Amino acid sequence: MTKSLKAPLIGISTYGRNGVTAFSLAASYVDAVRAAGGIPVLLPPGEPNPAEVLERIDGLILSGGGDIDPSAYQGSSHPCIYNIDSERDEFELTLTRLCLEKDLPFLGICRGMEVAIVACGGTLVTHVPDEYGMQVQHRLVPAPGHLYPAKHTVRILSSSRLGGIIGKMEIEVVSWHHQAVRNLAPGWRVVAESVGDYVIEAVEHQHCSFAIAVQWHPELSPEDISHQRIFQALVKAAGTRKVVSIQDAIA
């Protein structure tokens, strides 16, 4: 019976409203999920019943994007904070809490990692260069109409699940962020830091079967199998959970 199961549905949170006309998401997220064997389902903010959303999907990705409102973690304003979207914040913070309670396979990417930590009671560094300097560039200065991700090296904890997935302890990553985790939330542990300045680059939840968040953008390295293994692991975990759920339902 399980051999005939369809590919798992992976929900991906989208960016906020483009004015009042559209929601959007970079195609690289969709491509990564499809390449890993999952079926992407886009989740725009504003859905009135997030719990019902999670009943329909088998795994969740929180995508990158603008900053979380500092009031969500008792932070302070900063001139570099951009694209605050209260509708998106509320939707994703709620999704994260419900996802972890439900033990649904979860992957946070960039902003998604920050949302995961804030949702569970952690705090953020408001602007990385203010506290860590410019020894490592985590994002490059944008030109009009263009975003240029930065490249740097991350060191991964050898005993972590992420290390087992990627298969090596140092990896070059593509990143675009100016904020980072300051204080961890309960249940999470640090499993990767940037080489050179020790900014937190990845975390794992200690009590969930699959809950990983990375500060970089693995979807922007489609030719690098090390990064794509993250999506493969998520889809595999979602597929396994789907099988178990069906077996429980017919037991």
Foldseek 3Di string as FASTA:
>chain_A
DLVPDAFFEEEEEWAADPPPPDTDHDCLVQVLLVVLRHHYDYDYFDPPDLLVVVVRGLEYEYEDDFAEDQVLQVGDDDPPGDDHDVRSLVNLLVNLVSCVVVLRAYEYEANGVVSNQSSQRFHKDPFQCVPQNVQDDQFDDADVPDGAWDKFKKAFACPDPLCVLLVDGMDIFTHHDGMATDGGGPQKDQGMATPPRRTGAKIFGNPHPHYIYGNTDLSVCVVRVSSSSVSNVSSVSSSVVVVVVVVVVVD
